[in-house]
Amino acid sequence: MFVNDKFCKDPQACQSRRFLLFGPQHGQKHIQSSGSTVTPTTVAQILGLNTLGISLVRIAYAPNGGLTPPHTHPYPRATELLLVVEGTLSIGFVTSNPENRLNTSHHLTSRIIRTKKYFYISPQQFFHQLISPPPRSCTTCACNLAACNPMKRLLPNLNPQG
């Protein structure tokens, strides 16, 4: 049987390895041009997460401006809960007024989040970004998403020069 495009095994034949993933090692290199490394733990890595509605992402940011570009999660229930494990993050999201049919009422909400003191909840389907502000050392965060496969949709680059 397939559920969410993933094969569901007979519970009698299921093995514990379907629920286990060895986490990323500390000190990973920042290989993306944006200055961040995203290590997902979703249904693609642990099949046992299928239909449970949860996933976890570890994000490591380079100092002085490492970022997660503006994006949204098109999956309807992909709300985020984020914990800054180490360092400092500037987090922001853009809201819109659904009553305004011309969609001209937008508001940027942002905040600086510091080590182990704050959680951040990203409302569903809002564009949001995360930046490691200068002058700081590396930043690491753990992000829990209320979806077994939250997907990510980047905001298109509207400035072809930059």
N, C-alpha and C. Protein backbone atom coordinates (compact mmCIF):
# COMPACT_ATOMS: atom_id res chain seq x y z
N MET A 1 0.83 -1.17 0.00
CA MET A 1 0.00 0.00 0.00
C MET A 1 0.89 1.25 0.00
N PHE A 2 0.47 2.28 -0.74
CA PHE A 2 1.18 3.54 -0.78
C PHE A 2 0.37 4.62 -0.06
N VAL A 3 1.05 5.39 0.80
CA VAL A 3 0.45 6.53 1.48
C VAL A 3 1.42 7.69 1.33
N ASN A 4 0.93 8.85 0.87
CA ASN A 4 1.79 10.01 0.61
C ASN A 4 2.92 9.68 -0.35
N ASP A 5 2.64 8.86 -1.34
CA ASP A 5 3.62 8.43 -2.34
C ASP A 5 4.77 7.61 -1.77
N LYS A 6 4.62 7.09 -0.57
CA LYS A 6 5.64 6.23 0.05
C LYS A 6 5.00 4.89 0.34
N PHE A 7 5.81 3.84 0.17
CA PHE A 7 5.34 2.49 0.41
C PHE A 7 5.24 2.24 1.91
N CYS A 8 4.10 1.77 2.38
CA CYS A 8 3.91 1.42 3.79
C CYS A 8 4.08 -0.08 3.95
N LYS A 9 4.97 -0.46 4.84
CA LYS A 9 5.23 -1.88 5.07
C LYS A 9 4.20 -2.47 6.04
N ASP A 10 4.08 -3.76 5.96
CA ASP A 10 3.28 -4.49 6.94
C ASP A 10 3.94 -4.29 8.30
N PRO A 11 3.20 -3.88 9.33
CA PRO A 11 3.80 -3.65 10.65
C PRO A 11 4.57 -4.86 11.19
N GLN A 12 4.17 -6.07 10.81
CA GLN A 12 4.88 -7.27 11.27
C GLN A 12 6.25 -7.40 10.62
N ALA A 13 6.42 -6.81 9.43
CA ALA A 13 7.69 -6.92 8.71
C ALA A 13 8.58 -5.70 8.90
N CYS A 14 8.13 -4.72 9.64
CA CYS A 14 8.87 -3.47 9.81
C CYS A 14 10.08 -3.67 10.73
N GLN A 15 11.19 -3.01 10.39
CA GLN A 15 12.41 -3.12 11.18
C GLN A 15 12.76 -1.77 11.80
N SER A 16 13.49 -1.79 12.91
CA SER A 16 13.83 -0.57 13.63
C SER A 16 14.67 0.39 12.80
N ARG A 17 15.43 -0.10 11.83
CA ARG A 17 16.27 0.79 11.02
C ARG A 17 15.44 1.79 10.21
N ARG A 18 14.16 1.52 10.01
CA ARG A 18 13.29 2.45 9.30
C ARG A 18 12.95 3.68 10.15
N PHE A 19 13.33 3.65 11.42
CA PHE A 19 13.04 4.75 12.34
C PHE A 19 14.30 5.40 12.90
N LEU A 20 15.46 5.08 12.33
CA LEU A 20 16.73 5.54 12.87
C LEU A 20 17.54 6.27 11.81
N LEU A 21 18.14 7.38 12.20
CA LEU A 21 19.05 8.12 11.33
C LEU A 21 20.14 8.69 12.21
N PHE A 22 21.39 8.44 11.84
CA PHE A 22 22.50 9.02 12.58
C PHE A 22 22.62 10.47 12.18
N GLY A 23 22.61 11.37 13.16
CA GLY A 23 22.59 12.81 12.91
C GLY A 23 23.88 13.33 12.32
N PRO A 24 23.85 14.58 11.84
CA PRO A 24 25.02 15.19 11.24
C PRO A 24 26.10 15.45 12.28
N GLN A 25 27.32 15.40 11.83
CA GLN A 25 28.45 15.67 12.71
C GLN A 25 28.61 17.16 12.92
N HIS A 26 29.16 17.54 14.05
CA HIS A 26 29.41 18.96 14.32
C HIS A 26 30.52 19.45 13.41
N GLY A 27 30.50 20.74 13.12
CA GLY A 27 31.56 21.36 12.33
C GLY A 27 31.48 21.09 10.84
N GLN A 28 30.29 20.82 10.32
CA GLN A 28 30.16 20.62 8.88
C GLN A 28 30.57 21.88 8.13
N LYS A 29 31.09 21.70 6.95
CA LYS A 29 31.45 22.85 6.13
C LYS A 29 30.19 23.46 5.52
N HIS A 30 30.23 24.78 5.30
CA HIS A 30 29.11 25.50 4.69
C HIS A 30 29.32 25.45 3.18
N ILE A 31 28.64 24.54 2.52
CA ILE A 31 28.91 24.30 1.11
C ILE A 31 28.00 25.07 0.17
N GLN A 32 26.89 25.60 0.65
CA GLN A 32 26.00 26.33 -0.24
C GLN A 32 26.48 27.75 -0.41
N SER A 33 26.17 28.34 -1.56
CA SER A 33 26.57 29.72 -1.82
C SER A 33 25.91 30.70 -0.87
N SER A 34 24.80 30.32 -0.26
CA SER A 34 24.11 31.20 0.68
C SER A 34 24.79 31.22 2.05
N GLY A 35 25.77 30.37 2.26
CA GLY A 35 26.47 30.35 3.55
C GLY A 35 25.77 29.53 4.61
N SER A 36 24.95 28.58 4.19
CA SER A 36 24.29 27.70 5.17
C SER A 36 24.26 26.28 4.64
N THR A 37 24.22 25.34 5.57
CA THR A 37 24.11 23.93 5.23
C THR A 37 22.86 23.39 5.91
N VAL A 38 21.95 22.86 5.12
CA VAL A 38 20.70 22.31 5.63
C VAL A 38 20.79 20.79 5.62
N THR A 39 20.55 20.18 6.78
CA THR A 39 20.55 18.73 6.89
C THR A 39 19.15 18.29 7.30
N PRO A 40 18.35 17.79 6.35
CA PRO A 40 16.97 17.42 6.67
C PRO A 40 16.85 16.03 7.28
N THR A 41 15.85 15.86 8.09
CA THR A 41 15.41 14.56 8.57
C THR A 41 13.91 14.52 8.29
N THR A 42 13.57 14.03 7.10
CA THR A 42 12.18 13.98 6.66
C THR A 42 11.84 12.54 6.30
N VAL A 43 10.69 12.33 5.73
CA VAL A 43 10.28 11.00 5.31
C VAL A 43 11.24 10.44 4.25
N ALA A 44 11.95 11.31 3.54
CA ALA A 44 12.93 10.85 2.55
C ALA A 44 14.12 10.15 3.22
N GLN A 45 14.46 10.54 4.46
CA GLN A 45 15.57 9.93 5.18
C GLN A 45 15.10 8.83 6.14
N ILE A 46 13.94 9.01 6.76
CA ILE A 46 13.40 8.02 7.70
C ILE A 46 11.98 7.69 7.25
N LEU A 47 11.82 6.55 6.62
CA LEU A 47 10.50 6.17 6.10
C LEU A 47 9.46 6.05 7.21
N GLY A 48 9.90 5.79 8.43
CA GLY A 48 8.98 5.67 9.55
C GLY A 48 8.25 6.96 9.88
N LEU A 49 8.69 8.10 9.34
CA LEU A 49 8.01 9.37 9.57
C LEU A 49 6.75 9.54 8.71
N ASN A 50 6.58 8.66 7.72
CA ASN A 50 5.44 8.80 6.82
C ASN A 50 4.13 8.79 7.61
N THR A 51 3.29 9.73 7.34
CA THR A 51 1.96 9.97 7.93
C THR A 51 2.00 10.52 9.36
N LEU A 52 3.19 10.71 9.94
CA LEU A 52 3.25 11.22 11.32
C LEU A 52 3.17 12.74 11.39
N GLY A 53 3.42 13.42 10.28
CA GLY A 53 3.28 14.87 10.26
C GLY A 53 4.39 15.62 10.96
N ILE A 54 5.60 15.04 11.04
CA ILE A 54 6.72 15.73 11.66
C ILE A 54 7.99 15.54 10.84
N SER A 55 8.90 16.49 10.96
CA SER A 55 10.24 16.36 10.41
C SER A 55 11.13 17.34 11.17
N LEU A 56 12.42 17.18 11.01
CA LEU A 56 13.39 18.03 11.70
C LEU A 56 14.46 18.42 10.70
N VAL A 57 14.92 19.66 10.79
CA VAL A 57 15.98 20.14 9.92
C VAL A 57 17.04 20.79 10.80
N ARG A 58 18.30 20.46 10.56
CA ARG A 58 19.42 21.13 11.22
C ARG A 58 20.00 22.09 10.21
N ILE A 59 20.19 23.36 10.62
CA ILE A 59 20.77 24.35 9.72
C ILE A 59 22.00 24.94 10.40
N ALA A 60 23.13 24.90 9.70
CA ALA A 60 24.37 25.50 10.18
C ALA A 60 24.68 26.70 9.30
N TYR A 61 24.93 27.84 9.93
CA TYR A 61 25.17 29.09 9.20
C TYR A 61 26.62 29.52 9.35
N ALA A 62 27.20 30.00 8.25
CA ALA A 62 28.52 30.61 8.29
C ALA A 62 28.41 31.94 9.02
N PRO A 63 29.50 32.41 9.64
CA PRO A 63 29.44 33.71 10.31
C PRO A 63 29.30 34.85 9.31
N ASN A 64 28.84 35.99 9.80
CA ASN A 64 28.78 37.22 9.00
C ASN A 64 27.90 37.12 7.77
N GLY A 65 26.69 36.68 7.94
CA GLY A 65 25.74 36.76 6.84
C GLY A 65 25.32 35.46 6.20
N GLY A 66 25.65 34.31 6.78
CA GLY A 66 25.10 33.06 6.26
C GLY A 66 23.58 33.13 6.34
N LEU A 67 22.88 32.62 5.33
CA LEU A 67 21.43 32.79 5.34
C LEU A 67 20.69 31.63 4.72
N THR A 68 19.42 31.56 5.08
CA THR A 68 18.45 30.73 4.38
C THR A 68 17.62 31.72 3.57
N PRO A 69 17.68 31.65 2.23
CA PRO A 69 16.98 32.64 1.40
C PRO A 69 15.47 32.65 1.67
N PRO A 70 14.80 33.75 1.33
CA PRO A 70 13.35 33.82 1.52
C PRO A 70 12.65 32.64 0.83
N HIS A 71 11.80 31.96 1.60
CA HIS A 71 11.11 30.78 1.09
C HIS A 71 9.81 30.57 1.85
N THR A 72 9.02 29.66 1.35
CA THR A 72 7.81 29.23 2.03
C THR A 72 7.72 27.71 1.90
N HIS A 73 6.85 27.12 2.66
CA HIS A 73 6.61 25.68 2.58
C HIS A 73 5.19 25.50 2.07
N PRO A 74 5.02 25.05 0.82
CA PRO A 74 3.70 24.97 0.22
C PRO A 74 2.79 23.92 0.86
N TYR A 75 3.37 22.98 1.59
CA TYR A 75 2.55 21.98 2.26
C TYR A 75 1.67 22.69 3.28
N PRO A 76 0.37 22.49 3.27
CA PRO A 76 -0.55 23.32 4.07
C PRO A 76 -0.27 23.39 5.56
N ARG A 77 0.26 22.33 6.15
CA ARG A 77 0.46 22.36 7.61
C ARG A 77 1.92 22.45 8.00
N ALA A 78 2.79 22.95 7.14
CA ALA A 78 4.23 22.96 7.41
C ALA A 78 4.65 24.15 8.29
N THR A 79 4.05 24.27 9.45
CA THR A 79 4.44 25.30 10.41
C THR A 79 5.79 24.93 11.02
N GLU A 80 6.64 25.94 11.29
CA GLU A 80 7.97 25.70 11.84
C GLU A 80 8.06 26.12 13.29
N LEU A 81 8.83 25.36 14.05
CA LEU A 81 9.21 25.72 15.40
C LEU A 81 10.73 25.62 15.43
N LEU A 82 11.40 26.74 15.71
CA LEU A 82 12.85 26.81 15.55
C LEU A 82 13.52 27.11 16.88
N LEU A 83 14.62 26.42 17.15
CA LEU A 83 15.42 26.66 18.33
C LEU A 83 16.84 27.00 17.89
N VAL A 84 17.35 28.14 18.32
CA VAL A 84 18.75 28.49 18.05
C VAL A 84 19.59 27.73 19.07
N VAL A 85 20.37 26.76 18.60
CA VAL A 85 21.18 25.94 19.47
C VAL A 85 22.44 26.69 19.88
N GLU A 86 23.03 27.41 18.93
CA GLU A 86 24.26 28.15 19.18
C GLU A 86 24.31 29.35 18.25
N GLY A 87 24.68 30.51 18.77
CA GLY A 87 24.83 31.70 17.93
C GLY A 87 23.63 32.62 17.99
N THR A 88 23.47 33.41 16.93
CA THR A 88 22.41 34.41 16.85
C THR A 88 21.82 34.40 15.45
N LEU A 89 20.51 34.52 15.34
CA LEU A 89 19.83 34.58 14.05
C LEU A 89 18.91 35.78 13.99
N SER A 90 18.86 36.40 12.82
CA SER A 90 17.84 37.40 12.53
C SER A 90 16.79 36.68 11.70
N ILE A 91 15.56 36.65 12.21
CA ILE A 91 14.49 35.90 11.57
C ILE A 91 13.37 36.85 11.21
N GLY A 92 12.84 36.70 10.00
CA GLY A 92 11.73 37.55 9.60
C GLY A 92 10.77 36.83 8.68
N PHE A 93 9.50 37.24 8.73
CA PHE A 93 8.52 36.71 7.79
C PHE A 93 7.58 37.83 7.37
N VAL A 94 7.00 37.65 6.18
CA VAL A 94 6.11 38.65 5.59
C VAL A 94 4.69 38.13 5.69
N THR A 95 3.81 38.95 6.25
CA THR A 95 2.40 38.60 6.34
C THR A 95 1.63 39.30 5.23
N SER A 96 0.46 38.80 4.94
CA SER A 96 -0.43 39.47 3.99
C SER A 96 -1.84 39.42 4.56
N ASN A 97 -2.66 40.33 4.11
CA ASN A 97 -4.04 40.40 4.57
C ASN A 97 -4.92 39.68 3.56
N PRO A 98 -5.45 38.50 3.90
CA PRO A 98 -6.26 37.74 2.94
C PRO A 98 -7.55 38.45 2.53
N GLU A 99 -8.00 39.42 3.32
CA GLU A 99 -9.22 40.17 2.98
C GLU A 99 -8.96 41.18 1.87
N ASN A 100 -7.69 41.54 1.67
CA ASN A 100 -7.33 42.53 0.66
C ASN A 100 -7.09 41.80 -0.66
N ARG A 101 -8.03 41.82 -1.56
CA ARG A 101 -7.93 41.05 -2.80
C ARG A 101 -6.80 41.53 -3.72
N LEU A 102 -6.41 42.78 -3.59
CA LEU A 102 -5.28 43.28 -4.39
C LEU A 102 -3.94 42.88 -3.76
N ASN A 103 -4.00 42.31 -2.57
CA ASN A 103 -2.82 41.81 -1.87
C ASN A 103 -1.75 42.89 -1.71
N THR A 104 -2.16 44.08 -1.35
CA THR A 104 -1.22 45.19 -1.18
C THR A 104 -0.88 45.45 0.27
N SER A 105 -1.46 44.71 1.19
CA SER A 105 -1.23 44.93 2.61
C SER A 105 -0.26 43.87 3.13
N HIS A 106 1.03 44.19 3.12
CA HIS A 106 2.06 43.27 3.59
C HIS A 106 2.77 43.89 4.79
N HIS A 107 3.26 43.04 5.68
CA HIS A 107 3.95 43.53 6.86
C HIS A 107 5.12 42.60 7.16
N LEU A 108 6.31 43.18 7.36
CA LEU A 108 7.49 42.40 7.73
C LEU A 108 7.58 42.34 9.25
N THR A 109 7.65 41.14 9.78
CA THR A 109 7.86 40.92 11.20
C THR A 109 9.23 40.28 11.35
N SER A 110 10.10 40.86 12.18
CA SER A 110 11.44 40.29 12.33
C SER A 110 11.90 40.41 13.78
N ARG A 111 12.90 39.60 14.10
CA ARG A 111 13.43 39.60 15.45
C ARG A 111 14.80 38.94 15.47
N ILE A 112 15.63 39.37 16.41
CA ILE A 112 16.92 38.72 16.65
C ILE A 112 16.68 37.63 17.70
N ILE A 113 17.10 36.41 17.40
CA ILE A 113 16.94 35.27 18.31
C ILE A 113 18.32 34.83 18.75
N ARG A 114 18.51 34.64 20.05
CA ARG A 114 19.82 34.27 20.60
C ARG A 114 19.81 32.83 21.13
N THR A 115 21.00 32.34 21.44
CA THR A 115 21.22 30.96 21.84
C THR A 115 20.28 30.48 22.93
N LYS A 116 19.58 29.40 22.64
CA LYS A 116 18.78 28.62 23.60
C LYS A 116 17.78 29.43 24.41
N LYS A 117 17.44 30.62 23.98
CA LYS A 117 16.52 31.42 24.78
C LYS A 117 15.15 31.58 24.15
N TYR A 118 15.07 31.45 22.82
CA TYR A 118 13.81 31.74 22.16
C TYR A 118 13.45 30.64 21.17
N PHE A 119 12.20 30.44 21.02
CA PHE A 119 11.66 29.61 19.96
C PHE A 119 10.97 30.54 18.97
N TYR A 120 10.86 30.11 17.75
CA TYR A 120 10.23 30.93 16.72
C TYR A 120 9.22 30.07 16.00
N ILE A 121 8.02 30.57 15.85
CA ILE A 121 7.00 29.84 15.11
C ILE A 121 6.72 30.59 13.83
N SER A 122 6.89 29.92 12.71
CA SER A 122 6.61 30.54 11.41
C SER A 122 5.20 30.18 10.99
N PRO A 123 4.32 31.15 10.83
CA PRO A 123 2.96 30.85 10.39
C PRO A 123 2.95 30.12 9.04
N GLN A 124 1.94 29.35 8.83
CA GLN A 124 1.83 28.52 7.63
C GLN A 124 1.89 29.35 6.35
N GLN A 125 2.72 28.91 5.44
CA GLN A 125 2.84 29.42 4.08
C GLN A 125 3.27 30.89 3.99
N PHE A 126 3.85 31.47 5.03
CA PHE A 126 4.39 32.83 4.94
C PHE A 126 5.82 32.74 4.42
N PHE A 127 6.20 33.69 3.57
CA PHE A 127 7.60 33.77 3.16
C PHE A 127 8.42 34.18 4.37
N HIS A 128 9.53 33.50 4.59
CA HIS A 128 10.39 33.82 5.72
C HIS A 128 11.84 33.57 5.37
N GLN A 129 12.74 34.21 6.13
CA GLN A 129 14.18 34.06 5.91
C GLN A 129 14.89 34.07 7.25
N LEU A 130 16.09 33.50 7.26
CA LEU A 130 16.91 33.46 8.46
C LEU A 130 18.32 33.89 8.07
N ILE A 131 18.93 34.78 8.86
CA ILE A 131 20.26 35.30 8.56
C ILE A 131 21.10 35.29 9.83
N SER A 132 22.35 34.87 9.71
CA SER A 132 23.31 34.96 10.80
C SER A 132 23.96 36.34 10.71
N PRO A 133 23.55 37.30 11.57
CA PRO A 133 24.01 38.67 11.41
C PRO A 133 25.48 38.85 11.81
N PRO A 134 26.20 39.72 11.10
CA PRO A 134 27.59 40.01 11.48
C PRO A 134 27.61 40.91 12.71
N PRO A 135 28.65 41.02 13.45
CA PRO A 135 29.83 40.15 13.41
C PRO A 135 29.65 39.01 14.40
N ARG A 136 29.35 37.86 13.97
CA ARG A 136 29.08 36.71 14.84
C ARG A 136 29.88 35.50 14.37
N SER A 137 29.95 34.51 15.27
CA SER A 137 30.55 33.25 14.89
C SER A 137 29.48 32.38 14.24
N CYS A 138 29.80 31.14 14.00
CA CYS A 138 28.85 30.24 13.36
C CYS A 138 27.59 30.08 14.21
N THR A 139 26.47 29.86 13.54
CA THR A 139 25.18 29.68 14.20
C THR A 139 24.60 28.34 13.77
N THR A 140 24.00 27.64 14.72
CA THR A 140 23.34 26.37 14.43
C THR A 140 21.94 26.42 15.01
N CYS A 141 20.97 25.92 14.25
CA CYS A 141 19.60 25.85 14.77
C CYS A 141 18.98 24.51 14.40
N ALA A 142 17.96 24.16 15.15
CA ALA A 142 17.16 22.97 14.88
C ALA A 142 15.75 23.45 14.61
N CYS A 143 15.17 22.96 13.53
CA CYS A 143 13.86 23.43 13.11
C CYS A 143 12.93 22.23 12.99
N ASN A 144 11.87 22.24 13.77
CA ASN A 144 10.86 21.19 13.72
C ASN A 144 9.74 21.67 12.81
N LEU A 145 9.34 20.84 11.86
CA LEU A 145 8.27 21.20 10.92
C LEU A 145 7.10 20.24 11.09
N ALA A 146 5.91 20.79 11.07
CA ALA A 146 4.70 19.99 11.25
C ALA A 146 4.26 19.39 9.92
N ALA A 147 5.15 18.61 9.31
CA ALA A 147 4.87 17.92 8.05
C ALA A 147 5.95 16.87 7.86
N CYS A 148 5.59 15.69 7.36
CA CYS A 148 6.60 14.65 7.15
C CYS A 148 7.44 14.94 5.92
N ASN A 149 6.96 15.79 5.01
CA ASN A 149 7.72 16.24 3.85
C ASN A 149 7.35 17.70 3.58
N PRO A 150 7.97 18.66 4.29
CA PRO A 150 7.53 20.05 4.22
C PRO A 150 7.82 20.76 2.91
N MET A 151 8.75 20.26 2.12
CA MET A 151 9.16 20.91 0.87
C MET A 151 9.57 22.36 1.13
N LYS A 152 10.17 22.97 0.15
CA LYS A 152 10.57 24.37 0.28
C LYS A 152 10.46 25.02 -1.08
N ARG A 153 9.84 26.19 -1.12
CA ARG A 153 9.70 26.94 -2.37
C ARG A 153 10.39 28.29 -2.17
N LEU A 154 11.48 28.51 -2.94
CA LEU A 154 12.24 29.75 -2.83
C LEU A 154 11.52 30.90 -3.52
N LEU A 155 11.69 32.08 -2.97
CA LEU A 155 11.21 33.29 -3.62
C LEU A 155 12.10 33.53 -4.82
N PRO A 156 11.57 33.78 -6.01
CA PRO A 156 12.41 33.98 -7.19
C PRO A 156 13.30 35.21 -7.05
N ASN A 157 14.47 35.14 -7.67
CA ASN A 157 15.39 36.28 -7.67
C ASN A 157 14.85 37.32 -8.64
N LEU A 158 14.40 38.44 -8.10
CA LEU A 158 13.82 39.49 -8.93
C LEU A 158 14.86 40.51 -9.38
N ASN A 159 16.11 40.30 -8.99
CA ASN A 159 17.19 41.20 -9.37
C ASN A 159 18.22 40.40 -10.15
N PRO A 160 18.13 40.36 -11.48
CA PRO A 160 19.05 39.54 -12.26
C PRO A 160 20.50 40.01 -12.18
N GLN A 161 20.73 41.24 -11.72
CA GLN A 161 22.09 41.76 -11.61
C GLN A 161 22.79 41.23 -10.35
N GLY A 162 22.02 40.84 -9.34
CA GLY A 162 22.63 40.47 -8.05
C GLY A 162 22.36 39.13 -7.68
